[in-house]
Amino acid sequence: MKTRALWMTAALGLGLLGATVLQALNARGMAPPPLVPPAPPARHVAAEGRVFAYPGAEVRVSAERGGRLVRLAVEERQRVRRGDLLAELDGSELDAALREARARVAEAEAEIRLAAASLARQERLVEQKIAAAHDLDQARRDLEIARARRETARAEAARIEAQLAKTRIVAPISGTVIARPVDAGETVEAGEAIVTLADLTRLRIEGEADEADAAALAEGAAVRIRADGHPDEEWRGRVEEIADAVTLRRLKPQDPSRPTDTRILAVKVAFAETTPLRLGTTVELRIEAAKR
């Protein structure tokens, strides 16, 4: 009871003090300061996403022709530059075929020299009216056939050279080897993946927001990014692209109670700062809602 009486006395004193202050302000002709309501908290749109590479920044490098891998020049997590050798297929048979094709080119060039000399001789004989015109026509035909054989041999050599070049698999972009599913000594088929490269400096987030929040999303909006593996950290980003159409969910929600067949609006988010997040990491997004 004594404590309650003390509280009541204190409240009454504060009330009297407030009244005294208001009276003093009115006596001086001063109006009390207006009460400013607190600003409503900024509204955010919650979304989930995953870290992906920008288009063209992740490449699955495949073999253009089948064969046995005689060399793998890279390891996982290794940095490579565009044009660096990644792997090499067995090209011994093609080497032999190329030497044969080049020999046929040399043979055809010898035939051309012989046919050209024969044609010159026949032209002199025809001028001297010693040989018939038919012999001159035959000499010209022999020279044309020899030249055609040389072009055929050159084309064959070029075809084999192109096939041989495909035995050397080089990096189409600069990046990091993030996957290497094969080893030296294995036989691979045409189109089979040898390595996967990714430029890890060109990453963004592909997020999914509920379609009900579509009106609150805008390009350029600030984004806060969090990940389970970094519970005490948060990073900044911005919305750089919003899909034109609503689609079905692609990402599996982290909350198992959430439905997986809901319709979403895809949102692309660019990082505004360096993060330790890796390719494929699942993240939570808080997107600043657009003002209406």
C-alpha atoms as a PDB file:
ATOM      1  CA  MET A   1       0.000   0.000   0.000  1.00  0.00           C
ATOM      2  CA  LYS A   2       2.836   2.347   0.873  1.00  0.00           C
ATOM      3  CA  THR A   3       4.487   1.721  -2.537  1.00  0.00           C
ATOM      4  CA  ARG A   4       1.217   2.379  -4.368  1.00  0.00           C
ATOM      5  CA  ALA A   5       0.833   5.666  -2.524  1.00  0.00           C
ATOM      6  CA  LEU A   6       4.338   6.712  -3.548  1.00  0.00           C
ATOM      7  CA  TRP A   7       3.577   5.962  -7.233  1.00  0.00           C
ATOM      8  CA  MET A   8       0.367   7.979  -7.105  1.00  0.00           C
ATOM      9  CA  THR A   9       2.181  10.900  -5.460  1.00  0.00           C
ATOM     10  CA  ALA A  10       4.899  10.848  -8.164  1.00  0.00           C
ATOM     11  CA  ALA A  11       2.318  10.789 -10.973  1.00  0.00           C
ATOM     12  CA  LEU A  12       0.438  13.697  -9.466  1.00  0.00           C
ATOM     13  CA  GLY A  13       3.673  15.657  -9.159  1.00  0.00           C
ATOM     14  CA  LEU A  14       4.537  15.093 -12.808  1.00  0.00           C
ATOM     15  CA  GLY A  15       1.071  16.219 -13.825  1.00  0.00           C
ATOM     16  CA  LEU A  16       1.380  19.419 -11.837  1.00  0.00           C
ATOM     17  CA  LEU A  17       4.842  20.050 -13.304  1.00  0.00           C
ATOM     18  CA  GLY A  18       3.491  19.674 -16.874  1.00  0.00           C
ATOM     19  CA  ALA A  19       0.640  22.051 -16.162  1.00  0.00           C
ATOM     20  CA  THR A  20       3.041  24.617 -14.693  1.00  0.00           C
ATOM     21  CA  VAL A  21       5.236  24.467 -17.816  1.00  0.00           C
ATOM     22  CA  LEU A  22       2.249  24.939 -20.135  1.00  0.00           C
ATOM     23  CA  GLN A  23       1.069  27.919 -18.099  1.00  0.00           C
ATOM     24  CA  ALA A  24       4.538  29.490 -18.278  1.00  0.00           C
ATOM     25  CA  LEU A  25       4.693  29.059 -22.061  1.00  0.00           C
ATOM     26  CA  ASN A  26       1.219  30.563 -22.515  1.00  0.00           C
ATOM     27  CA  ALA A  27       2.194  33.495 -20.294  1.00  0.00           C
ATOM     28  CA  ARG A  28       5.152  34.251 -22.554  1.00  0.00           C
ATOM     29  CA  GLY A  29       3.047  33.928 -25.711  1.00  0.00           C
ATOM     30  CA  MET A  30       4.813  30.759 -26.776  1.00  0.00           C
ATOM     31  CA  ALA A  31       2.880  27.794 -28.130  1.00  0.00           C
ATOM     32  CA  PRO A  32       3.949  24.336 -26.983  1.00  0.00           C
ATOM     33  CA  PRO A  33       5.864  22.335 -29.608  1.00  0.00           C
ATOM     34  CA  PRO A  34       3.593  20.220 -31.796  1.00  0.00           C
ATOM     35  CA  LEU A  35       3.597  16.505 -31.241  1.00  0.00           C
ATOM     36  CA  VAL A  36       5.298  14.828 -34.240  1.00  0.00           C
ATOM     37  CA  PRO A  37       4.150  11.260 -34.769  1.00  0.00           C
ATOM     38  CA  PRO A  38       7.023   8.806 -35.300  1.00  0.00           C
ATOM     39  CA  ALA A  39       7.758   7.911 -38.927  1.00  0.00           C
ATOM     40  CA  PRO A  40       6.324   4.542 -39.905  1.00  0.00           C
ATOM     41  CA  PRO A  41       8.980   1.882 -40.370  1.00  0.00           C
ATOM     42  CA  ALA A  42      10.133   1.280 -43.946  1.00  0.00           C
ATOM     43  CA  ARG A  43       8.257  -1.578 -45.578  1.00  0.00           C
ATOM     44  CA  HIS A  44      10.235  -4.443 -47.035  1.00  0.00           C
ATOM     45  CA  VAL A  45       9.488  -7.326 -49.340  1.00  0.00           C
ATOM     46  CA  ALA A  46      10.836 -10.682 -48.198  1.00  0.00           C
ATOM     47  CA  ALA A  47      12.232 -12.999 -50.871  1.00  0.00           C
ATOM     48  CA  GLU A  48      14.537 -15.971 -51.246  1.00  0.00           C
ATOM     49  CA  GLY A  49      17.257 -16.449 -53.817  1.00  0.00           C
ATOM     50  CA  ARG A  50      20.430 -18.173 -54.827  1.00  0.00           C
ATOM     51  CA  VAL A  51      23.824 -16.959 -56.001  1.00  0.00           C
ATOM     52  CA  PHE A  52      24.370 -17.496 -59.728  1.00  0.00           C
ATOM     53  CA  ALA A  53      26.936 -16.356 -62.260  1.00  0.00           C
ATOM     54  CA  TYR A  54      25.942 -13.746 -64.816  1.00  0.00           C
ATOM     55  CA  PRO A  55      25.026 -15.135 -68.251  1.00  0.00           C
ATOM     56  CA  GLY A  56      28.246 -16.096 -70.039  1.00  0.00           C
ATOM     57  CA  ALA A  57      30.245 -16.122 -66.804  1.00  0.00           C
ATOM     58  CA  GLU A  58      29.720 -19.859 -66.227  1.00  0.00           C
ATOM     59  CA  VAL A  59      30.597 -22.246 -69.076  1.00  0.00           C
ATOM     60  CA  ARG A  60      30.397 -26.014 -69.334  1.00  0.00           C
ATOM     61  CA  VAL A  61      33.338 -26.956 -71.568  1.00  0.00           C
ATOM     62  CA  SER A  62      32.730 -30.117 -73.589  1.00  0.00           C
ATOM     63  CA  ALA A  63      34.691 -32.267 -76.028  1.00  0.00           C
ATOM     64  CA  GLU A  64      33.764 -31.583 -79.660  1.00  0.00           C
ATOM     65  CA  ARG A  65      34.840 -35.096 -80.667  1.00  0.00           C
ATOM     66  CA  GLY A  66      35.150 -38.375 -78.824  1.00  0.00           C
ATOM     67  CA  GLY A  67      38.426 -39.951 -77.819  1.00  0.00           C
ATOM     68  CA  ARG A  68      40.747 -40.890 -75.002  1.00  0.00           C
ATOM     69  CA  LEU A  69      41.932 -38.138 -72.694  1.00  0.00           C
ATOM     70  CA  VAL A  70      45.717 -38.241 -72.659  1.00  0.00           C
ATOM     71  CA  ARG A  71      46.101 -35.093 -70.567  1.00  0.00           C
ATOM     72  CA  LEU A  72      44.144 -32.967 -68.119  1.00  0.00           C
ATOM     73  CA  ALA A  73      46.025 -29.749 -67.539  1.00  0.00           C
ATOM     74  CA  VAL A  74      43.881 -28.246 -64.741  1.00  0.00           C
ATOM     75  CA  GLU A  75      42.628 -29.054 -61.255  1.00  0.00           C
ATOM     76  CA  GLU A  76      39.495 -27.931 -59.450  1.00  0.00           C
ATOM     77  CA  ARG A  77      39.644 -24.374 -58.021  1.00  0.00           C
ATOM     78  CA  GLN A  78      42.473 -23.520 -60.437  1.00  0.00           C
ATOM     79  CA  ARG A  79      42.384 -20.138 -62.150  1.00  0.00           C
ATOM     80  CA  VAL A  80      42.776 -20.140 -65.935  1.00  0.00           C
ATOM     81  CA  ARG A  81      42.888 -17.540 -68.669  1.00  0.00           C
ATOM     82  CA  ARG A  82      41.001 -17.566 -71.915  1.00  0.00           C
ATOM     83  CA  GLY A  83      42.880 -19.762 -74.410  1.00  0.00           C
ATOM     84  CA  ASP A  84      44.726 -21.823 -71.776  1.00  0.00           C
ATOM     85  CA  LEU A  85      44.919 -25.571 -72.427  1.00  0.00           C
ATOM     86  CA  LEU A  86      42.429 -27.518 -70.312  1.00  0.00           C
ATOM     87  CA  ALA A  87      42.713 -31.039 -71.714  1.00  0.00           C
ATOM     88  CA  GLU A  88      44.038 -32.986 -74.687  1.00  0.00           C
ATOM     89  CA  LEU A  89      42.606 -35.992 -76.527  1.00  0.00           C
ATOM     90  CA  ASP A  90      44.606 -38.708 -78.237  1.00  0.00           C
ATOM     91  CA  GLY A  91      45.382 -37.454 -81.754  1.00  0.00           C
ATOM     92  CA  SER A  92      47.941 -40.028 -82.938  1.00  0.00           C
ATOM     93  CA  GLU A  93      45.707 -41.386 -85.716  1.00  0.00           C
ATOM     94  CA  LEU A  94      44.921 -37.899 -86.928  1.00  0.00           C
ATOM     95  CA  ASP A  95      48.634 -37.034 -86.922  1.00  0.00           C
ATOM     96  CA  ALA A  96      49.296 -39.991 -89.221  1.00  0.00           C
ATOM     97  CA  ALA A  97      46.378 -39.066 -91.483  1.00  0.00           C
ATOM     98  CA  LEU A  98      47.631 -35.481 -91.694  1.00  0.00           C
ATOM     99  CA  ARG A  99      51.099 -36.579 -92.755  1.00  0.00           C
ATOM    100  CA  GLU A 100      49.534 -38.762 -95.443  1.00  0.00           C
ATOM    101  CA  ALA A 101      47.365 -35.897 -96.704  1.00  0.00           C
ATOM    102  CA  ARG A 102      50.355 -33.568 -96.887  1.00  0.00           C
ATOM    103  CA  ALA A 103      52.269 -36.209 -98.836  1.00  0.00           C
ATOM    104  CA  ARG A 104      49.433 -36.310-101.354  1.00  0.00           C
ATOM    105  CA  VAL A 105      49.672 -32.533-101.660  1.00  0.00           C
ATOM    106  CA  ALA A 106      53.377 -32.831-102.429  1.00  0.00           C
ATOM    107  CA  GLU A 107      52.667 -35.610-104.948  1.00  0.00           C
ATOM    108  CA  ALA A 108      50.046 -33.495-106.686  1.00  0.00           C
ATOM    109  CA  GLU A 109      52.448 -30.557-106.902  1.00  0.00           C
ATOM    110  CA  ALA A 110      55.017 -32.832-108.588  1.00  0.00           C
ATOM    111  CA  GLU A 111      52.381 -33.931-111.086  1.00  0.00           C
ATOM    112  CA  ILE A 112      51.542 -30.293-111.750  1.00  0.00           C
ATOM    113  CA  ARG A 113      55.157 -29.488-112.563  1.00  0.00           C
ATOM    114  CA  LEU A 114      55.375 -32.469-114.901  1.00  0.00           C
ATOM    115  CA  ALA A 115      52.052 -31.625-116.588  1.00  0.00           C
ATOM    116  CA  ALA A 116      53.071 -27.956-116.996  1.00  0.00           C
ATOM    117  CA  ALA A 117      56.349 -28.981-118.668  1.00  0.00           C
ATOM    118  CA  SER A 118      54.499 -31.398-120.956  1.00  0.00           C
ATOM    119  CA  LEU A 119      52.014 -28.685-121.904  1.00  0.00           C
ATOM    120  CA  ALA A 120      54.799 -26.240-122.777  1.00  0.00           C
ATOM    121  CA  ARG A 121      56.449 -28.869-124.959  1.00  0.00           C
ATOM    122  CA  GLN A 122      53.200 -29.673-126.753  1.00  0.00           C
ATOM    123  CA  GLU A 123      52.578 -25.971-127.372  1.00  0.00           C
ATOM    124  CA  ARG A 124      55.970 -25.674-129.093  1.00  0.00           C
ATOM    125  CA  LEU A 125      55.324 -28.794-131.155  1.00  0.00           C
ATOM    126  CA  VAL A 126      51.929 -27.517-132.247  1.00  0.00           C
ATOM    127  CA  GLU A 127      53.484 -24.171-133.222  1.00  0.00           C
ATOM    128  CA  GLN A 128      55.994 -26.111-135.318  1.00  0.00           C
ATOM    129  CA  LYS A 129      53.113 -28.188-136.706  1.00  0.00           C
ATOM    130  CA  ILE A 130      54.796 -31.358-135.482  1.00  0.00           C
ATOM    131  CA  ALA A 131      52.114 -32.372-132.944  1.00  0.00           C
ATOM    132  CA  ALA A 132      48.371 -32.456-133.413  1.00  0.00           C
ATOM    133  CA  ALA A 133      45.955 -30.137-131.627  1.00  0.00           C
ATOM    134  CA  HIS A 134      44.503 -33.182-129.884  1.00  0.00           C
ATOM    135  CA  ASP A 135      47.828 -33.776-128.115  1.00  0.00           C
ATOM    136  CA  LEU A 136      47.807 -30.164-126.896  1.00  0.00           C
ATOM    137  CA  ASP A 137      44.276 -30.569-125.522  1.00  0.00           C
ATOM    138  CA  GLN A 138      45.346 -33.736-123.725  1.00  0.00           C
ATOM    139  CA  ALA A 139      48.315 -31.939-122.130  1.00  0.00           C
ATOM    140  CA  ARG A 140      46.054 -29.136-120.900  1.00  0.00           C
ATOM    141  CA  ARG A 141      43.629 -31.661-119.452  1.00  0.00           C
ATOM    142  CA  ASP A 142      46.459 -33.442-117.616  1.00  0.00           C
ATOM    143  CA  LEU A 143      47.537 -30.155-116.034  1.00  0.00           C
ATOM    144  CA  GLU A 144      43.983 -29.351-114.895  1.00  0.00           C
ATOM    145  CA  ILE A 145      43.595 -32.824-113.378  1.00  0.00           C
ATOM    146  CA  ALA A 146      46.879 -32.462-111.486  1.00  0.00           C
ATOM    147  CA  ARG A 147      45.786 -29.086-110.091  1.00  0.00           C
ATOM    148  CA  ALA A 148      42.420 -30.514-109.031  1.00  0.00           C
ATOM    149  CA  ARG A 149      44.167 -33.374-107.245  1.00  0.00           C
ATOM    150  CA  ARG A 150      46.326 -30.885-105.376  1.00  0.00           C
ATOM    151  CA  GLU A 151      43.240 -28.911-104.218  1.00  0.00           C
ATOM    152  CA  THR A 152      41.572 -32.117-103.091  1.00  0.00           C
ATOM    153  CA  ALA A 153      44.672 -33.107-101.121  1.00  0.00           C
ATOM    154  CA  ARG A 154      44.890 -29.629 -99.567  1.00  0.00           C
ATOM    155  CA  ALA A 155      41.224 -29.733 -98.543  1.00  0.00           C
ATOM    156  CA  GLU A 156      41.726 -33.144 -96.942  1.00  0.00           C
ATOM    157  CA  ALA A 157      44.763 -31.881 -95.053  1.00  0.00           C
ATOM    158  CA  ALA A 158      42.806 -28.832 -93.840  1.00  0.00           C
ATOM    159  CA  ARG A 159      39.937 -31.060 -92.687  1.00  0.00           C
ATOM    160  CA  ILE A 160      42.293 -33.266 -90.678  1.00  0.00           C
ATOM    161  CA  GLU A 161      44.034 -30.222 -89.210  1.00  0.00           C
ATOM    162  CA  ALA A 162      40.640 -28.952 -88.016  1.00  0.00           C
ATOM    163  CA  GLN A 163      39.891 -32.339 -86.430  1.00  0.00           C
ATOM    164  CA  LEU A 164      43.314 -32.377 -84.822  1.00  0.00           C
ATOM    165  CA  ALA A 165      42.743 -28.900 -83.369  1.00  0.00           C
ATOM    166  CA  LYS A 166      39.642 -30.257 -81.598  1.00  0.00           C
ATOM    167  CA  THR A 167      41.824 -32.661 -79.637  1.00  0.00           C
ATOM    168  CA  ARG A 168      43.137 -29.623 -77.734  1.00  0.00           C
ATOM    169  CA  ILE A 169      40.403 -28.273 -75.455  1.00  0.00           C
ATOM    170  CA  VAL A 170      41.073 -24.687 -74.386  1.00  0.00           C
ATOM    171  CA  ALA A 171      39.344 -22.290 -72.002  1.00  0.00           C
ATOM    172  CA  PRO A 172      36.684 -20.143 -73.734  1.00  0.00           C
ATOM    173  CA  ILE A 173      36.679 -17.635 -70.852  1.00  0.00           C
ATOM    174  CA  SER A 174      38.916 -16.610 -67.980  1.00  0.00           C
ATOM    175  CA  GLY A 175      37.721 -18.033 -64.680  1.00  0.00           C
ATOM    176  CA  THR A 176      38.014 -20.732 -62.044  1.00  0.00           C
ATOM    177  CA  VAL A 177      37.578 -24.469 -62.550  1.00  0.00           C
ATOM    178  CA  ILE A 178      34.552 -25.304 -60.383  1.00  0.00           C
ATOM    179  CA  ALA A 179      34.026 -28.876 -61.654  1.00  0.00           C
ATOM    180  CA  ARG A 180      36.158 -31.525 -63.363  1.00  0.00           C
ATOM    181  CA  PRO A 181      34.118 -34.718 -63.716  1.00  0.00           C
ATOM    182  CA  VAL A 182      36.695 -36.721 -65.733  1.00  0.00           C
ATOM    183  CA  ASP A 183      40.290 -37.848 -65.338  1.00  0.00           C
ATOM    184  CA  ALA A 184      43.178 -38.487 -67.718  1.00  0.00           C
ATOM    185  CA  GLY A 185      42.977 -41.907 -69.357  1.00  0.00           C
ATOM    186  CA  GLU A 186      39.179 -41.937 -69.618  1.00  0.00           C
ATOM    187  CA  THR A 187      37.395 -42.127 -72.957  1.00  0.00           C
ATOM    188  CA  VAL A 188      34.855 -39.380 -73.503  1.00  0.00           C
ATOM    189  CA  GLU A 189      32.087 -38.926 -76.037  1.00  0.00           C
ATOM    190  CA  ALA A 190      31.472 -35.871 -78.173  1.00  0.00           C
ATOM    191  CA  GLY A 191      29.548 -33.321 -76.094  1.00  0.00           C
ATOM    192  CA  GLU A 192      30.595 -34.799 -72.754  1.00  0.00           C
ATOM    193  CA  ALA A 193      31.619 -32.235 -70.134  1.00  0.00           C
ATOM    194  CA  ILE A 194      35.348 -31.983 -69.400  1.00  0.00           C
ATOM    195  CA  VAL A 195      35.362 -29.030 -66.967  1.00  0.00           C
ATOM    196  CA  THR A 196      33.051 -26.238 -65.828  1.00  0.00           C
ATOM    197  CA  LEU A 197      34.487 -22.730 -65.622  1.00  0.00           C
ATOM    198  CA  ALA A 198      33.027 -19.747 -63.788  1.00  0.00           C
ATOM    199  CA  ASP A 199      34.124 -16.148 -63.447  1.00  0.00           C
ATOM    200  CA  LEU A 200      33.570 -15.791 -59.699  1.00  0.00           C
ATOM    201  CA  THR A 201      33.957 -12.020 -59.922  1.00  0.00           C
ATOM    202  CA  ARG A 202      30.687 -11.825 -61.870  1.00  0.00           C
ATOM    203  CA  LEU A 203      28.047 -13.147 -59.488  1.00  0.00           C
ATOM    204  CA  ARG A 204      24.516 -11.994 -58.717  1.00  0.00           C
ATOM    205  CA  ILE A 205      21.419 -13.285 -56.953  1.00  0.00           C
ATOM    206  CA  GLU A 206      18.389 -14.679 -58.720  1.00  0.00           C
ATOM    207  CA  GLY A 207      15.567 -14.213 -56.247  1.00  0.00           C
ATOM    208  CA  GLU A 208      11.889 -15.106 -56.079  1.00  0.00           C
ATOM    209  CA  ALA A 209       9.318 -12.756 -54.553  1.00  0.00           C
ATOM    210  CA  ASP A 210       5.661 -13.593 -54.011  1.00  0.00           C
ATOM    211  CA  GLU A 211       3.440 -12.379 -56.834  1.00  0.00           C
ATOM    212  CA  ALA A 212       1.360 -10.449 -54.284  1.00  0.00           C
ATOM    213  CA  ASP A 213       4.347  -8.142 -53.736  1.00  0.00           C
ATOM    214  CA  ALA A 214       4.771  -7.311 -57.435  1.00  0.00           C
ATOM    215  CA  ALA A 215       3.528  -3.722 -57.033  1.00  0.00           C
ATOM    216  CA  ALA A 216       6.076  -3.074 -54.271  1.00  0.00           C
ATOM    217  CA  LEU A 217       9.088  -4.048 -56.360  1.00  0.00           C
ATOM    218  CA  ALA A 218      11.107  -1.556 -58.393  1.00  0.00           C
ATOM    219  CA  GLU A 219      14.428  -1.611 -60.198  1.00  0.00           C
ATOM    220  CA  GLY A 220      17.174   0.102 -58.233  1.00  0.00           C
ATOM    221  CA  ALA A 221      15.607  -0.702 -54.862  1.00  0.00           C
ATOM    222  CA  ALA A 222      18.024  -1.343 -51.988  1.00  0.00           C
ATOM    223  CA  VAL A 223      18.344  -4.943 -50.828  1.00  0.00           C
ATOM    224  CA  ARG A 224      19.650  -6.497 -47.620  1.00  0.00           C
ATOM    225  CA  ILE A 225      21.172  -9.941 -48.068  1.00  0.00           C
ATOM    226  CA  ARG A 226      21.611 -12.636 -45.419  1.00  0.00           C
ATOM    227  CA  ALA A 227      22.754 -16.266 -45.540  1.00  0.00           C
ATOM    228  CA  ASP A 228      22.481 -19.103 -43.044  1.00  0.00           C
ATOM    229  CA  GLY A 229      26.211 -19.761 -43.122  1.00  0.00           C
ATOM    230  CA  HIS A 230      26.888 -16.183 -41.953  1.00  0.00           C
ATOM    231  CA  PRO A 231      24.270 -15.525 -39.231  1.00  0.00           C
ATOM    232  CA  ASP A 232      25.896 -12.340 -37.922  1.00  0.00           C
ATOM    233  CA  GLU A 233      26.564 -10.706 -41.293  1.00  0.00           C
ATOM    234  CA  GLU A 234      24.488  -8.764 -43.792  1.00  0.00           C
ATOM    235  CA  TRP A 235      25.372  -7.341 -47.203  1.00  0.00           C
ATOM    236  CA  ARG A 236      23.968  -4.672 -49.460  1.00  0.00           C
ATOM    237  CA  GLY A 237      22.633  -5.115 -52.970  1.00  0.00           C
ATOM    238  CA  ARG A 238      20.247  -3.521 -55.417  1.00  0.00           C
ATOM    239  CA  VAL A 239      17.528  -4.763 -57.736  1.00  0.00           C
ATOM    240  CA  GLU A 240      18.847  -4.646 -61.288  1.00  0.00           C
ATOM    241  CA  GLU A 241      16.126  -6.556 -63.130  1.00  0.00           C
ATOM    242  CA  ILE A 242      12.519  -7.643 -62.568  1.00  0.00           C
ATOM    243  CA  ALA A 243      10.871 -10.281 -64.725  1.00  0.00           C
ATOM    244  CA  ASP A 244       8.052  -9.273 -67.050  1.00  0.00           C
ATOM    245  CA  ALA A 245       5.940 -12.313 -66.219  1.00  0.00           C
ATOM    246  CA  VAL A 246       4.897 -14.256 -63.133  1.00  0.00           C
ATOM    247  CA  THR A 247       6.062 -17.878 -63.127  1.00  0.00           C
ATOM    248  CA  LEU A 248       6.013 -20.933 -60.906  1.00  0.00           C
ATOM    249  CA  ARG A 249       8.569 -21.245 -58.109  1.00  0.00           C
ATOM    250  CA  ARG A 250      11.916 -22.743 -59.156  1.00  0.00           C
ATOM    251  CA  LEU A 251      13.763 -22.610 -55.840  1.00  0.00           C
ATOM    252  CA  LYS A 252      12.839 -24.958 -53.025  1.00  0.00           C
ATOM    253  CA  PRO A 253      11.761 -22.798 -50.052  1.00  0.00           C
ATOM    254  CA  GLN A 254      13.910 -23.052 -46.926  1.00  0.00           C
ATOM    255  CA  ASP A 255      10.797 -23.213 -44.762  1.00  0.00           C
ATOM    256  CA  PRO A 256       9.314 -26.700 -45.366  1.00  0.00           C
ATOM    257  CA  SER A 257       5.859 -25.441 -44.366  1.00  0.00           C
ATOM    258  CA  ARG A 258       5.748 -23.090 -47.348  1.00  0.00           C
ATOM    259  CA  PRO A 259       4.103 -24.401 -50.542  1.00  0.00           C
ATOM    260  CA  THR A 260       6.343 -25.201 -53.487  1.00  0.00           C
ATOM    261  CA  ASP A 261       3.765 -24.603 -56.226  1.00  0.00           C
ATOM    262  CA  THR A 262       3.187 -20.889 -55.589  1.00  0.00           C
ATOM    263  CA  ARG A 263       3.582 -18.307 -58.304  1.00  0.00           C
ATOM    264  CA  ILE A 264       6.458 -15.860 -58.000  1.00  0.00           C
ATOM    265  CA  LEU A 265       8.066 -12.879 -59.695  1.00  0.00           C
ATOM    266  CA  ALA A 266      11.754 -13.393 -60.496  1.00  0.00           C
ATOM    267  CA  VAL A 267      14.075 -10.633 -59.293  1.00  0.00           C
ATOM    268  CA  LYS A 268      17.764 -10.231 -60.205  1.00  0.00           C
ATOM    269  CA  VAL A 269      19.897  -8.591 -57.500  1.00  0.00           C
ATOM    270  CA  ALA A 270      23.401  -7.195 -58.028  1.00  0.00           C
ATOM    271  CA  PHE A 271      25.868  -7.132 -55.136  1.00  0.00           C
ATOM    272  CA  ALA A 272      26.779  -3.634 -53.950  1.00  0.00           C
ATOM    273  CA  GLU A 273      29.850  -4.854 -52.069  1.00  0.00           C
ATOM    274  CA  THR A 274      32.261  -7.762 -51.897  1.00  0.00           C
ATOM    275  CA  THR A 275      30.894 -10.813 -50.068  1.00  0.00           C
ATOM    276  CA  PRO A 276      32.196 -14.268 -49.139  1.00  0.00           C
ATOM    277  CA  LEU A 277      29.104 -15.902 -50.644  1.00  0.00           C
ATOM    278  CA  ARG A 278      29.824 -18.749 -53.018  1.00  0.00           C
ATOM    279  CA  LEU A 279      28.177 -19.855 -56.207  1.00  0.00           C
ATOM    280  CA  GLY A 280      24.948 -21.701 -55.425  1.00  0.00           C
ATOM    281  CA  THR A 281      24.506 -20.280 -51.898  1.00  0.00           C
ATOM    282  CA  THR A 282      20.873 -19.855 -50.810  1.00  0.00           C
ATOM    283  CA  VAL A 283      20.147 -16.400 -49.381  1.00  0.00           C
ATOM    284  CA  GLU A 284      17.326 -14.415 -47.819  1.00  0.00           C
ATOM    285  CA  LEU A 285      16.482 -11.003 -49.258  1.00  0.00           C
ATOM    286  CA  ARG A 286      14.805  -7.938 -47.745  1.00  0.00           C
ATOM    287  CA  ILE A 287      13.910  -5.638 -50.621  1.00  0.00           C
ATOM    288  CA  GLU A 288      12.983  -2.042 -49.876  1.00  0.00           C
ATOM    289  CA  ALA A 289       9.397  -1.578 -51.050  1.00  0.00           C
ATOM    290  CA  ALA A 290       8.593   1.094 -53.588  1.00  0.00           C
ATOM    291  CA  LYS A 291       6.702   4.128 -52.275  1.00  0.00           C
ATOM    292  CA  ARG A 292       3.172   4.379 -53.558  1.00  0.00           C
END
